Protein backbone atom coordinates (compact mmCIF):
# COMPACT_ATOMS: atom_id res chain seq x y z
CA UNK A 1 -24.04 -12.78 71.28
CA UNK A 2 -23.99 -9.15 72.08
CA UNK A 3 -20.35 -8.82 70.95
CA UNK A 4 -21.19 -10.44 67.50
CA UNK A 5 -24.10 -8.11 67.06
CA UNK A 6 -21.94 -5.25 67.98
CA UNK A 7 -19.26 -6.12 65.39
CA UNK A 8 -21.95 -6.64 62.75
CA UNK A 9 -23.19 -3.31 63.51
CA UNK A 10 -19.78 -1.95 63.14
CA UNK A 11 -18.80 -3.79 59.89
CA UNK A 12 -22.43 -3.03 58.39
CA UNK A 13 -21.43 0.54 57.27
CA UNK A 14 -18.36 -0.68 55.70
CA UNK A 15 -19.88 -3.48 53.93
CA UNK A 16 -22.66 -0.95 52.63
CA UNK A 17 -20.13 1.44 51.49
CA UNK A 18 -17.98 -1.06 49.65
CA UNK A 19 -21.22 -2.46 48.02
CA UNK A 20 -22.31 0.87 46.92
CA UNK A 21 -18.79 1.52 45.52
CA UNK A 22 -19.04 -1.59 43.75
CA UNK A 23 -22.39 -0.87 42.27
CA UNK A 24 -21.02 2.63 41.21
CA UNK A 25 -18.04 1.29 39.73
CA UNK A 26 -20.15 -1.31 37.63
CA UNK A 27 -22.43 1.54 36.70
CA UNK A 28 -19.52 3.60 35.62
CA UNK A 29 -17.94 0.57 33.56
CA UNK A 30 -21.27 0.03 31.83
CA UNK A 31 -21.52 3.65 30.95
CA UNK A 32 -18.02 3.80 29.63
CA UNK A 33 -18.83 0.63 27.46
CA UNK A 34 -21.87 2.54 26.10
CA UNK A 35 -20.00 5.58 25.61
CA UNK A 36 -17.17 3.75 23.76
CA UNK A 37 -19.54 2.20 21.38
CA UNK A 38 -21.14 5.71 20.52
CA UNK A 39 -17.94 7.46 20.14
CA UNK A 40 -16.86 4.66 17.64
CA UNK A 41 -20.08 5.07 15.78
CA UNK A 42 -19.45 8.83 15.54
CA UNK A 43 -15.97 8.57 14.39
CA UNK A 44 -17.09 6.04 11.64
CA UNK A 45 -19.52 8.75 10.60
CA UNK A 46 -16.77 11.29 10.04
CA UNK A 47 -16.45 10.02 6.39
CA UNK A 48 -20.00 11.45 5.79
CA UNK A 49 -18.58 14.81 6.58
CA UNK A 50 -15.57 14.85 4.19
CA UNK A 51 -12.92 13.39 6.49
CA UNK A 52 -10.46 11.16 4.84
CA UNK A 53 -11.39 7.38 5.22
CA UNK A 54 -7.72 6.77 5.79
CA UNK A 55 -7.70 8.77 9.21
CA UNK A 56 -10.90 6.94 10.64
CA UNK A 57 -9.23 3.65 11.97
CA UNK A 58 -6.68 5.56 13.76
CA UNK A 59 -9.06 8.17 15.17
CA UNK A 60 -11.38 5.65 16.17
CA UNK A 61 -8.89 3.45 18.11
CA UNK A 62 -7.62 6.77 20.05
CA UNK A 63 -11.22 7.86 20.88
CA UNK A 64 -12.31 4.36 22.15
CA UNK A 65 -9.17 3.94 24.27
CA UNK A 66 -9.34 7.57 25.49
CA UNK A 67 -12.93 6.70 26.60
CA UNK A 68 -11.95 3.73 28.31
CA UNK A 69 -9.08 5.47 30.12
CA UNK A 70 -11.42 8.07 31.65
CA UNK A 71 -13.79 5.37 32.50
CA UNK A 72 -10.93 3.60 34.39
CA UNK A 73 -9.89 6.72 36.25
CA UNK A 74 -13.63 7.24 37.50
CA UNK A 75 -13.84 3.93 38.78
CA UNK A 76 -10.47 4.31 40.59
CA UNK A 77 -11.82 7.53 41.92
CA UNK A 78 -14.79 5.83 43.29
CA UNK A 79 -12.78 3.44 45.24
CA UNK A 80 -10.76 6.39 46.80
CA UNK A 81 -7.42 5.62 44.67
CA UNK A 82 -5.12 8.73 44.38
CA UNK A 83 -5.42 9.22 40.49
CA UNK A 84 -2.70 12.10 40.48
CA UNK A 85 -0.12 9.63 42.09
CA UNK A 86 -1.28 6.81 39.66
CA UNK A 87 -1.06 9.12 36.70
CA UNK A 88 2.64 9.84 37.63
CA UNK A 89 3.23 6.10 38.22
CA UNK A 90 1.74 5.47 34.88
CA UNK A 91 4.13 7.91 33.23
CA UNK A 92 7.17 6.34 34.71
CA UNK A 93 5.85 2.83 33.65
CA UNK A 94 5.02 4.11 30.19
CA UNK A 95 8.63 5.32 29.99
CA UNK A 96 10.09 2.08 30.85
CA UNK A 97 7.69 0.16 28.47
CA UNK A 98 8.32 2.62 25.82
CA UNK A 99 12.24 1.91 26.02
CA UNK A 100 11.34 -1.87 25.97
CA UNK A 101 9.08 -1.65 22.98
CA UNK A 102 10.85 0.92 20.85
CA UNK A 103 10.34 -1.09 17.72
CA UNK A 104 6.63 -0.95 18.41
CA UNK A 105 6.72 2.72 19.13
CA UNK A 106 8.52 3.24 15.90
CA UNK A 107 5.45 1.46 14.02
CA UNK A 108 3.11 4.04 15.82
CA UNK A 109 5.35 7.04 14.94
CA UNK A 110 5.53 5.93 11.19
CA UNK A 111 1.69 5.40 11.60
CA UNK A 112 1.26 9.06 12.36
CA UNK A 113 3.75 10.22 9.65
CA UNK A 114 1.81 8.19 7.09
CA UNK A 115 -1.56 9.71 8.25
CA UNK A 116 -0.11 13.20 8.27
CA UNK A 117 1.72 13.25 4.82
CA UNK A 118 -0.75 10.64 3.32
CA UNK A 119 1.23 9.32 0.48
CA UNK A 120 -1.50 6.93 0.03
CA UNK A 121 -5.14 6.68 0.88
CA UNK A 122 -7.60 3.88 1.38
CA UNK A 123 -8.58 2.31 -1.87
CA UNK A 124 -5.37 3.17 -3.63
CA UNK A 125 -2.85 0.65 -5.16
CA UNK A 126 0.77 1.10 -3.81
CA UNK A 127 4.19 -0.72 -3.87
CA UNK A 128 6.77 -0.60 -1.21
CA UNK A 129 9.84 -3.18 -1.79
CA UNK A 130 8.38 -6.08 -3.50
CA UNK A 131 4.82 -5.71 -2.18
CA UNK A 132 1.93 -4.49 -4.27
CA UNK A 133 -1.49 -4.22 -3.09
CA UNK A 134 -4.61 -2.06 -2.56
CA UNK A 135 -4.77 -0.27 0.72
CA UNK A 136 -7.52 -1.37 2.96
CA UNK A 137 -6.76 0.15 6.26
CA UNK A 138 -3.96 2.29 8.05
CA UNK A 139 -3.86 1.54 11.85
CA UNK A 140 -1.72 2.50 14.62
CA UNK A 141 0.70 -0.31 14.19
CA UNK A 142 0.24 -1.78 10.62
CA UNK A 143 -0.92 -0.99 7.30
CA UNK A 144 -3.40 -3.74 5.64
CA UNK A 145 -3.31 -4.36 1.87
CA UNK A 146 -5.12 -6.68 -0.57
CA UNK A 147 -2.60 -8.11 -3.05
CA UNK A 148 -3.64 -8.53 -6.80
CA UNK A 149 -3.74 -12.31 -6.09
CA UNK A 150 -6.30 -11.74 -3.33
CA UNK A 151 -4.06 -12.02 -0.22
CA UNK A 152 -4.41 -9.92 2.90
CA UNK A 153 -1.01 -8.37 3.90
CA UNK A 154 -0.48 -6.61 7.10
CA UNK A 155 2.80 -4.70 7.19
CA UNK A 156 4.40 -2.79 10.03
CA UNK A 157 4.08 0.86 9.44
CA UNK A 158 7.69 1.49 9.93
CA UNK A 159 8.62 -0.98 7.16
CA UNK A 160 6.07 0.76 4.70
CA UNK A 161 7.29 4.34 5.58
CA UNK A 162 11.17 3.00 5.43
CA UNK A 163 10.86 2.00 1.78
CA UNK A 164 10.31 3.93 -1.33
CA UNK A 165 6.55 4.15 -1.92
CA UNK A 166 5.10 3.89 -5.49
CA UNK A 167 1.39 5.00 -5.80
CA UNK A 168 0.01 3.68 -8.94
CA UNK A 169 -3.59 5.22 -8.59
CA UNK A 170 -3.06 8.62 -7.24
CA UNK A 171 -2.58 10.41 -10.59
CA UNK A 172 -5.48 10.61 -12.99
CA UNK A 173 -3.56 9.39 -16.06
CA UNK A 174 -0.71 6.88 -16.92
CA UNK A 175 1.65 6.28 -19.54
CA UNK A 176 1.39 3.27 -21.75
CA UNK A 177 4.69 1.86 -23.32
CA UNK A 178 4.80 -0.74 -26.07
CA UNK A 179 7.75 -2.11 -27.94
CA UNK A 180 7.01 -3.26 -31.42
CA UNK A 181 9.97 -5.56 -33.05
CA UNK A 182 10.09 -5.88 -36.89
CA UNK A 183 12.84 -7.49 -39.20
CA UNK A 184 15.74 -5.52 -40.64
CA UNK A 185 14.38 -6.15 -44.08
CA UNK A 186 11.18 -4.66 -43.08
CA UNK A 187 10.14 -0.75 -43.93
CA UNK A 188 10.33 1.21 -40.80
CA UNK A 189 7.75 3.75 -41.70
CA UNK A 190 5.32 0.94 -42.53
CA UNK A 191 5.72 -0.23 -38.92
CA UNK A 192 5.27 3.45 -37.71
CA UNK A 193 1.93 3.52 -39.50
CA UNK A 194 0.63 0.39 -38.03
CA UNK A 195 1.24 1.93 -34.42
CA UNK A 196 -0.28 5.18 -35.29
CA UNK A 197 -3.43 3.30 -36.71
CA UNK A 198 -3.79 1.34 -33.52
CA UNK A 199 -3.63 4.49 -31.49
CA UNK A 200 -6.13 6.25 -33.70
CA UNK A 201 -8.67 3.49 -33.54
CA UNK A 202 -8.51 3.36 -29.59
CA UNK A 203 -10.82 5.95 -28.33
CA UNK A 204 -9.45 5.69 -24.79
CA UNK A 205 -6.00 7.10 -25.49
CA UNK A 206 -5.66 10.76 -24.67
CA UNK A 207 -4.73 13.40 -27.18
CA UNK A 208 -2.95 15.50 -24.57
CA UNK A 209 -0.17 14.59 -23.83
CA UNK A 210 0.14 13.62 -27.67
CA UNK A 211 1.48 10.05 -28.36
CA UNK A 212 4.84 9.56 -29.50
CA UNK A 213 6.29 7.23 -31.91
CA UNK A 214 10.08 6.54 -32.27
CA UNK A 215 12.79 3.80 -33.21
CA UNK A 216 13.82 2.89 -29.74
CA UNK A 217 16.86 0.55 -30.71
CA UNK A 218 18.67 -1.43 -33.50
CA UNK A 219 18.72 -4.50 -31.82
CA UNK A 220 20.83 -7.80 -32.50
CA UNK A 221 17.80 -9.46 -34.46
CA UNK A 222 15.26 -6.69 -34.83
CA UNK A 223 14.45 -3.08 -35.20
CA UNK A 224 12.51 -1.91 -32.06
CA UNK A 225 9.60 0.68 -32.59
CA UNK A 226 8.53 2.46 -29.62
CA UNK A 227 4.87 3.58 -28.80
CA UNK A 228 4.19 5.94 -25.76
CA UNK A 229 0.59 6.93 -25.13
CA UNK A 230 -1.53 8.20 -22.27
CA UNK A 231 -4.69 6.94 -20.93
CA UNK A 232 -6.71 7.38 -17.66
CA UNK A 233 -5.53 5.32 -14.74
CA UNK A 234 -8.69 3.43 -14.51
CA UNK A 235 -8.22 2.37 -18.25
CA UNK A 236 -4.61 1.53 -18.39
CA UNK A 237 -4.62 -2.24 -18.16
CA UNK A 238 -7.61 -2.49 -20.38
CA UNK A 239 -5.97 -0.32 -22.98
CA UNK A 240 -2.68 -1.94 -22.77
CA UNK A 241 -3.86 -5.27 -23.03
CA UNK A 242 -6.10 -4.50 -25.96
CA UNK A 243 -3.18 -2.84 -28.02
CA UNK A 244 -1.02 -5.81 -27.22
CA UNK A 245 -3.64 -8.07 -28.60
CA UNK A 246 -4.10 -6.22 -31.79
CA UNK A 247 -0.17 -5.44 -32.34
CA UNK A 248 0.70 -9.03 -33.95
CA UNK A 249 -2.15 -9.25 -36.29
CA UNK A 250 -1.82 -5.57 -37.42
CA UNK A 251 1.90 -6.04 -38.05
CA UNK A 252 1.44 -9.26 -40.13
CA UNK A 253 -1.25 -7.85 -42.15
CA UNK A 254 0.89 -5.24 -43.53
CA UNK A 255 3.40 -7.87 -44.30
CA UNK A 256 5.85 -7.17 -41.60
CA UNK A 257 7.78 -9.89 -39.63
CA UNK A 258 8.27 -10.04 -35.86
CA UNK A 259 11.60 -11.75 -35.73
CA UNK A 260 13.05 -14.01 -32.98
CA UNK A 261 16.75 -13.95 -31.87
CA UNK A 262 19.09 -15.53 -34.33
CA UNK A 263 22.70 -16.36 -34.58
CA UNK A 264 24.89 -17.19 -37.55
CA UNK A 265 27.25 -19.97 -36.80
CA UNK A 266 30.36 -20.56 -39.17
CA UNK A 267 32.06 -23.92 -38.86
CA UNK A 268 35.69 -23.92 -40.04
CA UNK A 269 37.25 -27.39 -41.10
CA UNK A 270 40.59 -27.45 -39.56
CA UNK A 271 41.58 -30.16 -42.00
CA UNK A 272 41.11 -28.09 -44.97
CA UNK A 273 43.43 -25.29 -43.70
CA UNK A 274 46.54 -25.01 -45.67
CA UNK A 275 49.95 -24.17 -44.16
CA UNK A 276 51.19 -20.85 -45.04
CA UNK A 277 54.00 -20.90 -47.66
CA UNK A 278 57.20 -18.93 -47.02
CA UNK A 279 58.11 -16.54 -49.86
CA UNK A 280 61.86 -16.34 -49.92
CA UNK A 281 63.25 -13.46 -51.74
CA UNK A 282 66.67 -13.79 -53.11
């Protein structure tokens, strides 16, 4: 009995020490969790101070994970772990993991390049490859977009950066191009006047740059008239659709014809062909 009591007295300080370490570790984890939430909220509020919204998701991810790493190091230190050796071990492990996950690291590197050069921002409409959509988020690994038909696309950052990027909404204005086809028998100047009138009656067309009117081509079945006019990026599609809707009635009102492709077919009756007569000169 005395032996058991002696053993308990010996183990009690150890148990108390471990228990206190566990309590301190739990407290450190709780504080870390609270700190991560506060850091996340603070980073999200950076947009109110003029920070580009595109940068916020990546900054939030880095800040939150940095907070968790610090908290983890504190917990390990509470249990007496050699954090210096652990950092060296993690560095070696990180190198091995990096070599194994080089494609993932390419996504991260491309994400930082996109955030640094910022060829697009959140809310802008872009195209890379065959994908067109509005940017919703640029993360460490992927870029998220909403397509025009309401689909959410998540593309790896290296794929986005590796393609030619077209930004449809970065510039304040865009050029509208419309082709009006009239028949060869129609008067070209009358067709030009129709295009000029449509532009004059559309207040959303910009005066500078000045609209341009030209004969684009003498096609197989039509004379193609070309209209180039500028409007704001926000009004682009509304103005384009409005002009296209008015074009046909305006041409027809002036007696002009919108031709369709035609081909003339000549059929030769072989039976009616006469043999060539030889002319003999004596």
